[in-house]
Amino acid sequence: MHCIKNSKYLNYIALKVEAITFLGIIILFDATANDSTKIKFDLMGINTGYGLYTYADPLESATIYEGSYLPVNLNWLAFNKKKVEEISFSYSNTALKSSTSKETNLTDFSARMFNFSYGYQRLVYKQKNASFYVGAKLNTYVALRELQYNIPQLNTTHISDNGDMFAALNLSLSSDINLGDNLLYFNAGYSILSYTLTRYYDRERDWESSILFFPTFNAFSFSANYYHKITSRLYLSLAYKFYYYSYPRSGDILITKGMHNQFVIGLNLKF
């Protein structure tokens, strides 16, 4: 999992998008009340499949952990001639194992993740069968983890809970390609403003907590979705989803990193 080490590459991406950061913010707060164009169609669906979560936090362990899971995703897409809106929710629950070395003291590591986002993008360029949009996306992410440590010296087991909750405003780029009865939709985003509500860590009573903490936060997401028409109202969807985040902990010295890869399939209703 080399991607989890690519913070320098993500910082390079951040520099590239700085020039259009304010464009994304302006588009997000565009006066949509005056947009009289009616929605051409909505797609609302649910999907699941295979997910892989990779996670590293130096406060918890020197190793990198990963675990596969069955994601549950709810999605809504609304298209019209001038804009596209999307709402998505994702839930996952997984057990994590060391991917680099064996840590004998760590006997159990589980994680539950919740992700909710709302995106709004305006049309900036249109070809015959393709449209390109620029806008912004509001994203909230919650990760709750439980670690169980075996302490041989004391012949005891210690359970440590930790978690993160943050929200981010992302610059969002998307496009859709019309394939006749079928549709391709791509979306990519990078965080430009972030807000961490809380982070906490507890291992053997070594407690770290932060309320209203503003770290240097990086998050990058990408999704590719294919919608295949089954009936006039029902579509089969196939998708790949990627999400990466990193931020400092413990005095901006130690960096927490997380990454999701998902391959999912689902059904969507067209309205």
Protein backbone atom coordinates (compact mmCIF):
# COMPACT_ATOMS: atom_id res chain seq x y z
CA MET A 1 0.00 0.00 0.00
CA HIS A 2 2.38 2.68 -1.24
CA CYS A 3 -0.35 5.32 -1.48
CA ILE A 4 -0.41 5.81 2.24
CA LYS A 5 3.14 7.16 2.08
CA ASN A 6 2.42 9.65 -0.71
CA SER A 7 1.79 12.76 1.39
CA LYS A 8 4.38 14.67 -0.67
CA TYR A 9 2.45 13.82 -3.83
CA LEU A 10 -0.80 14.99 -2.25
CA ASN A 11 0.85 18.24 -1.19
CA TYR A 12 1.86 18.69 -4.82
CA ILE A 13 -1.77 18.29 -5.83
CA ALA A 14 -2.72 20.88 -3.23
CA LEU A 15 -0.40 23.43 -4.79
CA LYS A 16 -1.98 22.80 -8.17
CA VAL A 17 -5.50 23.48 -6.93
CA GLU A 18 -4.69 26.60 -4.86
CA ALA A 19 -5.09 28.80 -7.94
CA ILE A 20 -8.74 27.79 -8.28
CA THR A 21 -9.63 27.46 -4.61
CA PHE A 22 -11.66 30.65 -4.52
CA LEU A 23 -13.48 29.61 -7.67
CA GLY A 24 -14.69 26.49 -5.88
CA ILE A 25 -15.91 28.50 -2.90
CA ILE A 26 -17.74 31.00 -5.10
CA ILE A 27 -19.46 28.22 -6.99
CA LEU A 28 -20.57 26.57 -3.74
CA PHE A 29 -22.39 29.73 -2.67
CA ASP A 30 -23.82 30.50 -6.08
CA ALA A 31 -27.36 31.92 -6.04
CA THR A 32 -29.10 28.70 -6.97
CA ALA A 33 -32.53 30.06 -6.06
CA ASN A 34 -32.57 31.86 -9.40
CA ASP A 35 -31.76 28.72 -11.37
CA SER A 36 -35.04 27.90 -13.09
CA THR A 37 -33.71 24.93 -15.05
CA LYS A 38 -35.53 21.76 -14.03
CA ILE A 39 -33.62 18.61 -13.09
CA LYS A 40 -33.34 16.25 -16.04
CA PHE A 41 -33.13 13.16 -13.85
CA ASP A 42 -32.15 11.82 -10.44
CA LEU A 43 -30.39 8.58 -9.60
CA MET A 44 -30.89 7.18 -6.09
CA GLY A 45 -29.32 3.91 -5.06
CA ILE A 46 -27.57 1.61 -2.62
CA ASN A 47 -24.40 -0.41 -3.20
CA THR A 48 -21.97 -2.71 -1.47
CA GLY A 49 -18.99 -4.85 -2.38
CA TYR A 50 -15.36 -4.98 -1.22
CA GLY A 51 -13.53 -2.33 0.77
CA LEU A 52 -9.98 -2.11 2.12
CA TYR A 53 -9.05 0.28 4.93
CA THR A 54 -5.36 1.09 5.54
CA TYR A 55 -4.48 3.04 8.65
CA ALA A 56 -1.37 4.31 10.45
CA ASP A 57 -1.03 6.32 13.66
CA PRO A 58 2.39 6.52 15.38
CA LEU A 59 0.72 7.12 18.75
CA GLU A 60 -0.93 3.71 18.57
CA SER A 61 1.75 1.66 16.88
CA ALA A 62 4.81 1.88 14.65
CA THR A 63 3.22 -0.43 12.10
CA ILE A 64 0.58 0.05 9.40
CA TYR A 65 -2.75 -1.74 9.76
CA GLU A 66 -5.30 -2.80 7.19
CA GLY A 67 -8.59 -4.65 7.05
CA SER A 68 -11.18 -5.59 4.44
CA TYR A 69 -14.85 -4.86 4.93
CA LEU A 70 -18.30 -4.85 3.34
CA PRO A 71 -19.26 -1.19 2.77
CA VAL A 72 -22.84 0.05 2.82
CA ASN A 73 -23.25 3.14 0.63
CA LEU A 74 -26.31 5.28 -0.08
CA ASN A 75 -26.05 7.70 -3.01
CA TRP A 76 -28.18 10.35 -4.68
CA LEU A 77 -27.25 12.19 -7.91
CA ALA A 78 -29.30 14.97 -9.51
CA PHE A 79 -28.44 16.24 -13.00
CA ASN A 80 -29.75 19.17 -15.01
CA LYS A 81 -28.41 21.30 -17.84
CA LYS A 82 -26.42 23.62 -15.59
CA LYS A 83 -25.43 21.70 -12.47
CA VAL A 84 -25.06 18.39 -10.69
CA GLU A 85 -25.73 17.74 -7.00
CA GLU A 86 -24.86 14.67 -4.97
CA ILE A 87 -25.44 13.32 -1.48
CA SER A 88 -23.68 10.20 -0.20
CA PHE A 89 -23.44 8.23 3.03
CA SER A 90 -21.08 5.34 3.75
CA TYR A 91 -20.72 2.96 6.71
CA SER A 92 -18.11 0.28 7.32
CA ASN A 93 -16.94 -1.95 10.17
CA THR A 94 -13.70 -3.92 10.05
CA ALA A 95 -11.02 -5.74 12.06
CA LEU A 96 -7.50 -4.49 11.37
CA LYS A 97 -4.31 -6.51 11.16
CA SER A 98 -0.68 -5.43 10.87
CA SER A 99 0.42 -5.26 7.23
CA THR A 100 4.13 -4.68 7.91
CA SER A 101 5.10 -6.61 11.04
CA LYS A 102 3.61 -8.61 13.88
CA GLU A 103 2.93 -6.71 17.08
CA THR A 104 2.58 -9.32 19.78
CA ASN A 105 1.03 -7.00 22.37
CA LEU A 106 -1.87 -5.94 20.14
CA THR A 107 -4.46 -8.71 20.22
CA ASP A 108 -7.47 -7.00 18.67
CA PHE A 109 -8.04 -3.84 16.61
CA SER A 110 -11.47 -2.93 15.24
CA ALA A 111 -12.72 0.19 13.48
CA ARG A 112 -16.09 1.66 12.52
CA MET A 113 -16.24 4.48 9.95
CA PHE A 114 -19.01 6.87 8.92
CA ASN A 115 -18.73 9.26 5.98
CA PHE A 116 -21.33 11.80 4.83
CA SER A 117 -20.94 14.34 2.01
CA TYR A 118 -22.91 16.88 0.00
CA GLY A 119 -21.57 18.17 -3.32
CA TYR A 120 -22.69 20.97 -5.62
CA GLN A 121 -21.06 21.64 -9.02
CA ARG A 122 -21.81 24.03 -11.87
CA LEU A 123 -21.36 23.26 -15.54
CA VAL A 124 -18.23 24.89 -17.00
CA TYR A 125 -17.81 23.09 -20.33
CA LYS A 126 -19.97 20.83 -22.47
CA GLN A 127 -19.21 18.67 -25.48
CA LYS A 128 -21.62 16.56 -27.51
CA ASN A 129 -21.73 13.61 -25.10
CA ALA A 130 -19.77 14.91 -22.09
CA SER A 131 -20.18 17.62 -19.46
CA PHE A 132 -17.60 19.02 -17.06
CA TYR A 133 -18.39 20.62 -13.69
CA VAL A 134 -16.52 22.57 -11.01
CA GLY A 135 -17.79 23.16 -7.49
CA ALA A 136 -17.33 22.18 -3.88
CA LYS A 137 -18.18 19.36 -1.51
CA LEU A 138 -18.82 19.36 2.23
CA ASN A 139 -17.57 16.17 3.85
CA THR A 140 -17.76 14.82 7.40
CA TYR A 141 -15.83 11.74 8.51
CA VAL A 142 -15.99 9.84 11.80
CA ALA A 143 -13.67 6.95 12.72
CA LEU A 144 -14.12 5.04 15.99
CA ARG A 145 -11.46 2.48 16.87
CA GLU A 146 -11.07 -0.01 19.72
CA LEU A 147 -7.69 -1.56 20.52
CA GLN A 148 -7.11 -4.44 22.93
CA TYR A 149 -3.57 -4.84 24.24
CA ASN A 150 -2.19 -7.91 25.97
CA ILE A 151 0.33 -6.89 28.66
CA PRO A 152 2.32 -10.07 29.52
CA GLN A 153 4.33 -8.42 32.32
CA LEU A 154 1.15 -7.65 34.26
CA ASN A 155 -0.82 -10.65 32.96
CA THR A 156 -3.65 -8.25 32.06
CA THR A 157 -5.47 -6.95 29.01
CA HIS A 158 -6.01 -3.25 28.38
CA ILE A 159 -8.71 -1.87 26.08
CA SER A 160 -8.00 1.50 24.45
CA ASP A 161 -10.60 3.56 22.60
CA ASN A 162 -9.72 6.32 20.19
CA GLY A 163 -11.40 8.21 17.41
CA ASP A 164 -11.47 11.17 15.08
CA MET A 165 -14.24 13.43 13.87
CA PHE A 166 -13.65 16.11 11.27
CA ALA A 167 -15.35 18.12 8.55
CA ALA A 168 -13.83 19.54 5.38
CA LEU A 169 -14.71 21.80 2.47
CA ASN A 170 -13.34 20.24 -0.71
CA LEU A 171 -12.76 21.62 -4.16
CA SER A 172 -14.70 19.26 -6.43
CA LEU A 173 -14.25 18.44 -10.13
CA SER A 174 -16.61 16.09 -11.94
CA SER A 175 -17.74 15.00 -15.39
CA ASP A 176 -20.39 12.78 -16.92
CA ILE A 177 -20.21 10.94 -20.24
CA ASN A 178 -23.42 9.98 -22.01
CA LEU A 179 -23.23 6.44 -23.46
CA GLY A 180 -26.73 6.35 -24.92
CA ASP A 181 -28.86 4.56 -22.35
CA ASN A 182 -25.88 4.27 -19.98
CA LEU A 183 -23.79 6.82 -18.08
CA LEU A 184 -20.25 7.31 -16.77
CA TYR A 185 -19.71 9.75 -13.90
CA PHE A 186 -16.34 10.79 -12.42
CA ASN A 187 -15.63 12.94 -9.37
CA ALA A 188 -12.43 14.10 -7.67
CA GLY A 189 -11.95 16.38 -4.68
CA TYR A 190 -9.23 17.89 -2.52
CA SER A 191 -9.66 19.56 0.90
CA ILE A 192 -9.15 23.32 1.02
CA LEU A 193 -10.59 24.06 4.47
CA SER A 194 -10.84 21.59 7.36
CA TYR A 195 -12.21 21.52 10.87
CA THR A 196 -11.44 18.81 13.40
CA LEU A 197 -14.11 18.64 16.08
CA THR A 198 -12.29 16.19 18.31
CA ARG A 199 -9.57 13.58 18.40
CA TYR A 200 -8.78 11.37 21.33
CA TYR A 201 -6.33 8.63 22.20
CA ASP A 202 -5.96 6.43 25.25
CA ARG A 203 -3.37 3.71 25.67
CA GLU A 204 -2.64 2.52 29.18
CA ARG A 205 -4.15 5.75 30.54
CA ASP A 206 -1.89 7.98 28.43
CA TRP A 207 -4.74 10.27 27.36
CA GLU A 208 -4.55 12.83 24.56
CA SER A 209 -7.54 14.96 23.64
CA SER A 210 -8.14 17.99 21.46
CA ILE A 211 -11.32 20.05 21.10
CA LEU A 212 -11.72 22.59 18.29
CA PHE A 213 -8.35 21.63 16.85
CA PHE A 214 -7.20 23.11 13.52
CA PRO A 215 -4.44 20.94 12.05
CA THR A 216 -2.82 20.97 8.64
CA PHE A 217 -5.31 18.58 7.12
CA ASN A 218 -5.08 16.79 3.75
CA ALA A 219 -7.82 14.74 2.13
CA PHE A 220 -8.16 13.50 -1.44
CA SER A 221 -11.05 11.55 -2.96
CA PHE A 222 -11.83 10.01 -6.34
CA SER A 223 -14.74 7.97 -7.66
CA ALA A 224 -15.63 6.43 -11.01
CA ASN A 225 -19.23 5.27 -11.50
CA TYR A 226 -20.83 3.36 -14.38
CA TYR A 227 -24.64 3.21 -14.60
CA HIS A 228 -26.12 0.52 -16.85
CA LYS A 229 -29.79 0.71 -17.82
CA ILE A 230 -31.89 -2.36 -16.94
CA THR A 231 -35.35 -0.82 -17.31
CA SER A 232 -36.56 2.75 -17.80
CA ARG A 233 -36.49 3.22 -14.01
CA LEU A 234 -33.81 0.79 -12.82
CA TYR A 235 -30.03 1.02 -13.31
CA LEU A 236 -27.19 -1.28 -12.31
CA SER A 237 -24.15 0.60 -10.99
CA LEU A 238 -20.49 -0.40 -10.79
CA ALA A 239 -18.07 1.91 -9.02
CA TYR A 240 -14.56 2.39 -7.67
CA LYS A 241 -14.14 4.79 -4.73
CA PHE A 242 -10.91 6.07 -3.18
CA TYR A 243 -10.42 8.27 -0.10
CA TYR A 244 -7.19 9.34 1.62
CA TYR A 245 -6.64 11.62 4.64
CA SER A 246 -3.75 12.70 6.85
CA TYR A 247 -3.30 15.17 9.70
CA PRO A 248 -0.83 15.79 12.55
CA ARG A 249 -1.25 14.68 16.15
CA SER A 250 0.75 15.27 19.32
CA GLY A 251 2.10 18.76 18.68
CA ASP A 252 2.13 18.49 14.87
CA ILE A 253 4.91 15.89 15.03
CA LEU A 254 3.19 12.55 14.48
CA ILE A 255 1.03 12.09 11.39
CA THR A 256 -2.15 10.02 11.26
CA LYS A 257 -2.98 8.57 7.83
CA GLY A 258 -5.96 6.62 6.54
CA MET A 259 -6.97 5.29 3.15
CA HIS A 260 -10.08 3.58 1.76
CA ASN A 261 -10.38 1.62 -1.50
CA GLN A 262 -13.82 0.32 -2.51
CA PHE A 263 -15.12 -1.76 -5.42
CA VAL A 264 -18.91 -1.75 -5.22
CA ILE A 265 -22.03 -2.81 -7.11
CA GLY A 266 -25.59 -1.66 -6.59
CA LEU A 267 -29.04 -0.79 -7.90
CA ASN A 268 -30.34 2.71 -8.62
CA LEU A 269 -33.80 4.13 -9.27
CA LYS A 270 -34.18 6.88 -11.86
CA PHE A 271 -36.68 9.68 -11.22
